[in-house]
């Protein structure tokens, strides 16, 4: 039984690009440091969305827009969230 489906956009993004997007989204002004001599994970992520596309689905929200709206929601609701 498949109760959850992890759906991406089908657009590849590197971990560096994701980190830079998050940095921009939250307004972080510090420096991101990547130690490429010690890779410890998948350098890139890409979900296969071909099955979803055959069902007529297509992403309508970009990663940057989705992160931005999620962060805005968090800022507006953080007082109501459990710790």
PDB file of N, CA and C in Angstrom:
ATOM      1  N   UNK A   1       0.839  -1.180   0.000  1.00  0.00           N
ATOM      2  CA  UNK A   1       0.000   0.000   0.000  1.00  0.00           C
ATOM      3  C   UNK A   1       0.886   1.247   0.000  1.00  0.00           C
ATOM      4  N   UNK A   2       0.520   2.178  -0.784  1.00  0.00           N
ATOM      5  CA  UNK A   2       1.303   3.409  -0.904  1.00  0.00           C
ATOM      6  C   UNK A   2       0.453   4.577  -0.391  1.00  0.00           C
ATOM      7  N   UNK A   3       0.707   4.981   0.849  1.00  0.00           N
ATOM      8  CA  UNK A   3      -0.107   6.050   1.419  1.00  0.00           C
ATOM      9  C   UNK A   3       0.495   7.437   1.205  1.00  0.00           C
ATOM     10  N   UNK A   4       1.793   7.498   0.945  1.00  0.00           N
ATOM     11  CA  UNK A   4       2.457   8.777   0.722  1.00  0.00           C
ATOM     12  C   UNK A   4       3.320   8.688  -0.530  1.00  0.00           C
ATOM     13  N   UNK A   5       3.353   9.738  -1.252  1.00  0.00           N
ATOM     14  CA  UNK A   5       4.201   9.804  -2.435  1.00  0.00           C
ATOM     15  C   UNK A   5       5.062  11.046  -2.315  1.00  0.00           C
ATOM     16  N   UNK A   6       6.366  10.872  -2.375  1.00  0.00           N
ATOM     17  CA  UNK A   6       7.296  11.992  -2.345  1.00  0.00           C
ATOM     18  C   UNK A   6       7.433  12.509  -3.766  1.00  0.00           C
ATOM     19  N   UNK A   7       6.926  13.680  -4.029  1.00  0.00           N
ATOM     20  CA  UNK A   7       6.902  14.233  -5.376  1.00  0.00           C
ATOM     21  C   UNK A   7       7.835  15.426  -5.451  1.00  0.00           C
ATOM     22  N   UNK A   8       8.696  15.422  -6.420  1.00  0.00           N
ATOM     23  CA  UNK A   8       9.572  16.554  -6.672  1.00  0.00           C
ATOM     24  C   UNK A   8       9.058  17.308  -7.879  1.00  0.00           C
ATOM     25  N   UNK A   9       9.923  18.091  -8.462  1.00  0.00           N
ATOM     26  CA  UNK A   9       9.539  18.860  -9.638  1.00  0.00           C
ATOM     27  C   UNK A   9      10.067  18.243 -10.924  1.00  0.00           C
ATOM     28  N   UNK A  10      11.030  17.329 -10.780  1.00  0.00           N
ATOM     29  CA  UNK A  10      11.682  16.785 -11.958  1.00  0.00           C
ATOM     30  C   UNK A  10      12.793  17.692 -12.451  1.00  0.00           C
ATOM     31  N   UNK A  11      13.081  18.761 -11.706  1.00  0.00           N
ATOM     32  CA  UNK A  11      14.153  19.694 -12.048  1.00  0.00           C
ATOM     33  C   UNK A  11      15.301  19.443 -11.082  1.00  0.00           C
ATOM     34  N   UNK A  12      16.477  19.168 -11.618  1.00  0.00           N
ATOM     35  CA  UNK A  12      17.623  18.852 -10.771  1.00  0.00           C
ATOM     36  C   UNK A  12      18.138  20.098 -10.061  1.00  0.00           C
ATOM     37  N   UNK A  13      18.543  19.910  -8.816  1.00  0.00           N
ATOM     38  CA  UNK A  13      19.132  20.994  -8.029  1.00  0.00           C
ATOM     39  C   UNK A  13      20.284  20.403  -7.219  1.00  0.00           C
ATOM     40  N   UNK A  14      21.405  21.086  -7.218  1.00  0.00           N
ATOM     41  CA  UNK A  14      22.534  20.617  -6.425  1.00  0.00           C
ATOM     42  C   UNK A  14      22.324  21.021  -4.968  1.00  0.00           C
ATOM     43  N   UNK A  15      23.047  20.355  -4.078  1.00  0.00           N
ATOM     44  CA  UNK A  15      22.967  20.706  -2.670  1.00  0.00           C
ATOM     45  C   UNK A  15      23.423  22.152  -2.472  1.00  0.00           C
ATOM     46  N   UNK A  16      24.445  22.581  -3.199  1.00  0.00           N
ATOM     47  CA  UNK A  16      24.913  23.979  -3.121  1.00  0.00           C
ATOM     48  C   UNK A  16      23.798  24.941  -3.546  1.00  0.00           C
ATOM     49  N   UNK A  17      23.120  24.626  -4.643  1.00  0.00           N
ATOM     50  CA  UNK A  17      22.021  25.490  -5.105  1.00  0.00           C
ATOM     51  C   UNK A  17      20.896  25.549  -4.073  1.00  0.00           C
ATOM     52  N   UNK A  18      20.585  24.407  -3.475  1.00  0.00           N
ATOM     53  CA  UNK A  18      19.550  24.374  -2.447  1.00  0.00           C
ATOM     54  C   UNK A  18      19.959  25.227  -1.250  1.00  0.00           C
ATOM     55  N   UNK A  19      21.201  25.087  -0.814  1.00  0.00           N
ATOM     56  CA  UNK A  19      21.688  25.873   0.323  1.00  0.00           C
ATOM     57  C   UNK A  19      21.669  27.369   0.010  1.00  0.00           C
ATOM     58  N   UNK A  20      22.084  27.749  -1.184  1.00  0.00           N
ATOM     59  CA  UNK A  20      22.063  29.162  -1.587  1.00  0.00           C
ATOM     60  C   UNK A  20      20.629  29.693  -1.649  1.00  0.00           C
ATOM     61  N   UNK A  21      19.708  28.876  -2.135  1.00  0.00           N
ATOM     62  CA  UNK A  21      18.301  29.281  -2.192  1.00  0.00           C
ATOM     63  C   UNK A  21      17.746  29.481  -0.793  1.00  0.00           C
ATOM     64  N   UNK A  22      18.060  28.553   0.112  1.00  0.00           N
ATOM     65  CA  UNK A  22      17.619  28.694   1.505  1.00  0.00           C
ATOM     66  C   UNK A  22      18.219  29.944   2.143  1.00  0.00           C
ATOM     67  N   UNK A  23      19.487  30.187   1.889  1.00  0.00           N
ATOM     68  CA  UNK A  23      20.173  31.367   2.421  1.00  0.00           C
ATOM     69  C   UNK A  23      19.453  32.645   1.982  1.00  0.00           C
ATOM     70  N   UNK A  24      19.149  32.718   0.716  1.00  0.00           N
ATOM     71  CA  UNK A  24      18.460  33.888   0.160  1.00  0.00           C
ATOM     72  C   UNK A  24      17.042  34.011   0.734  1.00  0.00           C
ATOM     73  N   UNK A  25      16.351  32.887   0.841  1.00  0.00           N
ATOM     74  CA  UNK A  25      14.969  32.881   1.314  1.00  0.00           C
ATOM     75  C   UNK A  25      14.843  33.418   2.733  1.00  0.00           C
ATOM     76  N   UNK A  26      15.737  32.992   3.618  1.00  0.00           N
ATOM     77  CA  UNK A  26      15.633  33.395   5.026  1.00  0.00           C
ATOM     78  C   UNK A  26      16.436  34.648   5.343  1.00  0.00           C
ATOM     79  N   UNK A  27      17.167  35.160   4.362  1.00  0.00           N
ATOM     80  CA  UNK A  27      17.933  36.379   4.573  1.00  0.00           C
ATOM     81  C   UNK A  27      19.212  36.179   5.368  1.00  0.00           C
ATOM     82  N   UNK A  28      19.760  34.971   5.333  1.00  0.00           N
ATOM     83  CA  UNK A  28      21.011  34.687   6.033  1.00  0.00           C
ATOM     84  C   UNK A  28      22.147  35.418   5.347  1.00  0.00           C
ATOM     85  N   UNK A  29      22.911  36.189   6.105  1.00  0.00           N
ATOM     86  CA  UNK A  29      23.986  36.980   5.515  1.00  0.00           C
ATOM     87  C   UNK A  29      25.365  36.388   5.758  1.00  0.00           C
ATOM     88  N   UNK A  30      25.418  35.249   6.427  1.00  0.00           N
ATOM     89  CA  UNK A  30      26.704  34.595   6.679  1.00  0.00           C
ATOM     90  C   UNK A  30      27.219  33.888   5.444  1.00  0.00           C
ATOM     91  N   UNK A  31      28.353  33.241   5.624  1.00  0.00           N
ATOM     92  CA  UNK A  31      28.992  32.527   4.522  1.00  0.00           C
ATOM     93  C   UNK A  31      28.658  31.041   4.606  1.00  0.00           C
ATOM     94  N   UNK A  32      28.361  30.452   3.485  1.00  0.00           N
ATOM     95  CA  UNK A  32      28.193  29.008   3.417  1.00  0.00           C
ATOM     96  C   UNK A  32      29.549  28.404   3.078  1.00  0.00           C
ATOM     97  N   UNK A  33      29.941  27.396   3.823  1.00  0.00           N
ATOM     98  CA  UNK A  33      31.240  26.763   3.603  1.00  0.00           C
ATOM     99  C   UNK A  33      31.009  25.295   3.264  1.00  0.00           C
ATOM    100  N   UNK A  34      31.584  24.864   2.170  1.00  0.00           N
ATOM    101  CA  UNK A  34      31.484  23.482   1.726  1.00  0.00           C
ATOM    102  C   UNK A  34      32.880  22.879   1.716  1.00  0.00           C
ATOM    103  N   UNK A  35      33.064  21.782   2.408  1.00  0.00           N
ATOM    104  CA  UNK A  35      34.347  21.093   2.432  1.00  0.00           C
ATOM    105  C   UNK A  35      34.275  19.937   1.452  1.00  0.00           C
ATOM    106  N   UNK A  36      34.688  20.188   0.232  1.00  0.00           N
ATOM    107  CA  UNK A  36      34.576  19.185  -0.823  1.00  0.00           C
ATOM    108  C   UNK A  36      35.585  18.047  -0.666  1.00  0.00           C
ATOM    109  N   UNK A  37      36.534  18.209   0.272  1.00  0.00           N
ATOM    110  CA  UNK A  37      37.480  17.123   0.503  1.00  0.00           C
ATOM    111  C   UNK A  37      36.851  16.010   1.336  1.00  0.00           C
ATOM    112  N   UNK A  38      35.696  16.296   1.939  1.00  0.00           N
ATOM    113  CA  UNK A  38      35.018  15.319   2.786  1.00  0.00           C
ATOM    114  C   UNK A  38      33.539  15.214   2.424  1.00  0.00           C
ATOM    115  N   UNK A  39      33.249  14.775   1.226  1.00  0.00           N
ATOM    116  CA  UNK A  39      31.832  14.636   0.873  1.00  0.00           C
ATOM    117  C   UNK A  39      31.166  13.592   1.761  1.00  0.00           C
ATOM    118  N   UNK A  40      29.992  13.920   2.258  1.00  0.00           N
ATOM    119  CA  UNK A  40      29.326  12.983   3.178  1.00  0.00           C
ATOM    120  C   UNK A  40      27.870  12.762   2.820  1.00  0.00           C
ATOM    121  N   UNK A  41      27.568  12.829   1.568  1.00  0.00           N
ATOM    122  CA  UNK A  41      26.187  12.610   1.171  1.00  0.00           C
ATOM    123  C   UNK A  41      26.038  12.712  -0.328  1.00  0.00           C
ATOM    124  N   UNK A  42      24.830  12.638  -0.761  1.00  0.00           N
ATOM    125  CA  UNK A  42      24.535  12.753  -2.178  1.00  0.00           C
ATOM    126  C   UNK A  42      24.772  14.185  -2.631  1.00  0.00           C
ATOM    127  N   UNK A  43      25.630  14.416  -3.612  1.00  0.00           N
ATOM    128  CA  UNK A  43      25.917  15.782  -4.043  1.00  0.00           C
ATOM    129  C   UNK A  43      24.765  16.450  -4.778  1.00  0.00           C
ATOM    130  N   UNK A  44      23.791  15.665  -5.224  1.00  0.00           N
ATOM    131  CA  UNK A  44      22.645  16.246  -5.911  1.00  0.00           C
ATOM    132  C   UNK A  44      21.412  15.387  -5.673  1.00  0.00           C
ATOM    133  N   UNK A  45      20.265  16.012  -5.847  1.00  0.00           N
ATOM    134  CA  UNK A  45      18.996  15.320  -5.626  1.00  0.00           C
ATOM    135  C   UNK A  45      18.099  15.543  -6.843  1.00  0.00           C
ATOM    136  N   UNK A  46      17.476  14.479  -7.297  1.00  0.00           N
ATOM    137  CA  UNK A  46      16.515  14.591  -8.390  1.00  0.00           C
ATOM    138  C   UNK A  46      15.519  13.454  -8.259  1.00  0.00           C
ATOM    139  N   UNK A  47      14.259  13.791  -8.035  1.00  0.00           N
ATOM    140  CA  UNK A  47      13.213  12.781  -7.955  1.00  0.00           C
ATOM    141  C   UNK A  47      12.638  12.521  -9.341  1.00  0.00           C
ATOM    142  N   UNK A  48      12.378  11.272  -9.629  1.00  0.00           N
ATOM    143  CA  UNK A  48      11.774  10.877 -10.893  1.00  0.00           C
ATOM    144  C   UNK A  48      10.261  11.091 -10.793  1.00  0.00           C
ATOM    145  N   UNK A  49       9.746  12.024 -11.556  1.00  0.00           N
ATOM    146  CA  UNK A  49       8.316  12.326 -11.507  1.00  0.00           C
ATOM    147  C   UNK A  49       7.581  11.814 -12.750  1.00  0.00           C
ATOM    148  N   UNK A  50       8.223  10.935 -13.503  1.00  0.00           N
ATOM    149  CA  UNK A  50       7.614  10.461 -14.752  1.00  0.00           C
ATOM    150  C   UNK A  50       6.287   9.750 -14.503  1.00  0.00           C
ATOM    151  N   UNK A  51       6.193   8.985 -13.424  1.00  0.00           N
ATOM    152  CA  UNK A  51       4.936   8.281 -13.132  1.00  0.00           C
ATOM    153  C   UNK A  51       3.809   9.273 -12.861  1.00  0.00           C
ATOM    154  N   UNK A  52       4.105  10.320 -12.121  1.00  0.00           N
ATOM    155  CA  UNK A  52       3.093  11.341 -11.830  1.00  0.00           C
ATOM    156  C   UNK A  52       2.678  12.083 -13.106  1.00  0.00           C
ATOM    157  N   UNK A  53       3.654  12.344 -13.971  1.00  0.00           N
ATOM    158  CA  UNK A  53       3.340  13.040 -15.219  1.00  0.00           C
ATOM    159  C   UNK A  53       2.414  12.215 -16.097  1.00  0.00           C
ATOM    160  N   UNK A  54       2.555  10.877 -16.061  1.00  0.00           N
ATOM    161  CA  UNK A  54       1.656  10.033 -16.856  1.00  0.00           C
ATOM    162  C   UNK A  54       0.226  10.124 -16.338  1.00  0.00           C
ATOM    163  N   UNK A  55       0.059  10.538 -15.079  1.00  0.00           N
ATOM    164  CA  UNK A  55      -1.279  10.728 -14.498  1.00  0.00           C
ATOM    165  C   UNK A  55      -1.806  12.143 -14.713  1.00  0.00           C
ATOM    166  N   UNK A  56      -1.003  12.974 -15.408  1.00  0.00           N
ATOM    167  CA  UNK A  56      -1.434  14.329 -15.716  1.00  0.00           C
ATOM    168  C   UNK A  56      -0.943  15.396 -14.750  1.00  0.00           C
ATOM    169  N   UNK A  57      -0.082  15.009 -13.798  1.00  0.00           N
ATOM    170  CA  UNK A  57       0.409  15.961 -12.807  1.00  0.00           C
ATOM    171  C   UNK A  57       1.644  16.678 -13.319  1.00  0.00           C
ATOM    172  N   UNK A  58       1.773  17.957 -12.956  1.00  0.00           N
ATOM    173  CA  UNK A  58       2.982  18.721 -13.255  1.00  0.00           C
ATOM    174  C   UNK A  58       3.158  19.759 -12.163  1.00  0.00           C
ATOM    175  N   UNK A  59       4.383  19.967 -11.735  1.00  0.00           N
ATOM    176  CA  UNK A  59       4.661  20.952 -10.687  1.00  0.00           C
ATOM    177  C   UNK A  59       4.257  22.347 -11.163  1.00  0.00           C
ATOM    178  N   UNK A  60       3.609  23.097 -10.269  1.00  0.00           N
ATOM    179  CA  UNK A  60       3.198  24.461 -10.602  1.00  0.00           C
ATOM    180  C   UNK A  60       3.947  25.503  -9.788  1.00  0.00           C
ATOM    181  N   UNK A  61       4.642  25.065  -8.756  1.00  0.00           N
ATOM    182  CA  UNK A  61       5.348  25.982  -7.864  1.00  0.00           C
ATOM    183  C   UNK A  61       6.835  25.641  -7.904  1.00  0.00           C
ATOM    184  N   UNK A  62       7.658  26.640  -8.123  1.00  0.00           N
ATOM    185  CA  UNK A  62       9.104  26.408  -8.159  1.00  0.00           C
ATOM    186  C   UNK A  62       9.619  26.160  -6.747  1.00  0.00           C
ATOM    187  N   UNK A  63      10.792  25.587  -6.651  1.00  0.00           N
ATOM    188  CA  UNK A  63      11.410  25.356  -5.348  1.00  0.00           C
ATOM    189  C   UNK A  63      11.567  26.667  -4.594  1.00  0.00           C
ATOM    190  N   UNK A  64      12.055  27.693  -5.261  1.00  0.00           N
ATOM    191  CA  UNK A  64      12.263  28.992  -4.615  1.00  0.00           C
ATOM    192  C   UNK A  64      10.938  29.577  -4.114  1.00  0.00           C
ATOM    193  N   UNK A  65       9.898  29.525  -4.913  1.00  0.00           N
ATOM    194  CA  UNK A  65       8.596  30.049  -4.485  1.00  0.00           C
ATOM    195  C   UNK A  65       8.009  29.221  -3.340  1.00  0.00           C
ATOM    196  N   UNK A  66       8.163  27.911  -3.417  1.00  0.00           N
ATOM    197  CA  UNK A  66       7.656  27.039  -2.354  1.00  0.00           C
ATOM    198  C   UNK A  66       8.366  27.279  -1.035  1.00  0.00           C
ATOM    199  N   UNK A  67       9.692  27.406  -1.084  1.00  0.00           N
ATOM    200  CA  UNK A  67      10.445  27.702   0.133  1.00  0.00           C
ATOM    201  C   UNK A  67      10.052  29.063   0.693  1.00  0.00           C
ATOM    202  N   UNK A  68       9.884  30.036  -0.192  1.00  0.00           N
ATOM    203  CA  UNK A  68       9.507  31.380   0.243  1.00  0.00           C
ATOM    204  C   UNK A  68       8.153  31.411   0.919  1.00  0.00           C
ATOM    205  N   UNK A  69       7.165  30.743   0.347  1.00  0.00           N
ATOM    206  CA  UNK A  69       5.828  30.757   0.952  1.00  0.00           C
ATOM    207  C   UNK A  69       5.806  29.938   2.247  1.00  0.00           C
ATOM    208  N   UNK A  70       6.587  28.867   2.306  1.00  0.00           N
ATOM    209  CA  UNK A  70       6.662  28.075   3.530  1.00  0.00           C
ATOM    210  C   UNK A  70       7.332  28.861   4.647  1.00  0.00           C
ATOM    211  N   UNK A  71       8.391  29.572   4.329  1.00  0.00           N
ATOM    212  CA  UNK A  71       9.087  30.386   5.333  1.00  0.00           C
ATOM    213  C   UNK A  71       8.195  31.536   5.797  1.00  0.00           C
ATOM    214  N   UNK A  72       7.470  32.155   4.879  1.00  0.00           N
ATOM    215  CA  UNK A  72       6.538  33.229   5.256  1.00  0.00           C
ATOM    216  C   UNK A  72       5.459  32.687   6.193  1.00  0.00           C
ATOM    217  N   UNK A  73       4.931  31.496   5.910  1.00  0.00           N
ATOM    218  CA  UNK A  73       3.940  30.879   6.782  1.00  0.00           C
ATOM    219  C   UNK A  73       4.539  30.629   8.164  1.00  0.00           C
ATOM    220  N   UNK A  74       5.762  30.123   8.199  1.00  0.00           N
ATOM    221  CA  UNK A  74       6.431  29.860   9.471  1.00  0.00           C
ATOM    222  C   UNK A  74       6.561  31.142  10.293  1.00  0.00           C
ATOM    223  N   UNK A  75       6.999  32.221   9.658  1.00  0.00           N
ATOM    224  CA  UNK A  75       7.157  33.482  10.379  1.00  0.00           C
ATOM    225  C   UNK A  75       5.825  33.980  10.946  1.00  0.00           C
ATOM    226  N   UNK A  76       4.762  33.802  10.188  1.00  0.00           N
ATOM    227  CA  UNK A  76       3.440  34.251  10.625  1.00  0.00           C
ATOM    228  C   UNK A  76       2.860  33.364  11.716  1.00  0.00           C
ATOM    229  N   UNK A  77       3.276  32.124  11.809  1.00  0.00           N
ATOM    230  CA  UNK A  77       2.666  31.161  12.724  1.00  0.00           C
ATOM    231  C   UNK A  77       3.592  30.616  13.800  1.00  0.00           C
ATOM    232  N   UNK A  78       4.807  31.110  13.875  1.00  0.00           N
ATOM    233  CA  UNK A  78       5.765  30.507  14.803  1.00  0.00           C
ATOM    234  C   UNK A  78       5.333  30.592  16.263  1.00  0.00           C
ATOM    235  N   UNK A  79       4.528  31.571  16.612  1.00  0.00           N
ATOM    236  CA  UNK A  79       4.048  31.676  17.990  1.00  0.00           C
ATOM    237  C   UNK A  79       3.055  30.591  18.360  1.00  0.00           C
ATOM    238  N   UNK A  80       2.464  29.956  17.368  1.00  0.00           N
ATOM    239  CA  UNK A  80       1.470  28.922  17.607  1.00  0.00           C
ATOM    240  C   UNK A  80       2.032  27.509  17.498  1.00  0.00           C
ATOM    241  N   UNK A  81       3.310  27.393  17.152  1.00  0.00           N
ATOM    242  CA  UNK A  81       3.921  26.095  16.956  1.00  0.00           C
ATOM    243  C   UNK A  81       4.436  25.534  18.275  1.00  0.00           C
ATOM    244  N   UNK A  82       4.333  24.230  18.423  1.00  0.00           N
ATOM    245  CA  UNK A  82       4.845  23.569  19.628  1.00  0.00           C
ATOM    246  C   UNK A  82       6.353  23.505  19.568  1.00  0.00           C
ATOM    247  N   UNK A  83       6.969  23.549  20.708  1.00  0.00           N
ATOM    248  CA  UNK A  83       8.432  23.452  20.775  1.00  0.00           C
ATOM    249  C   UNK A  83       8.837  22.042  21.090  1.00  0.00           C
TER     250      UNK A  83
END
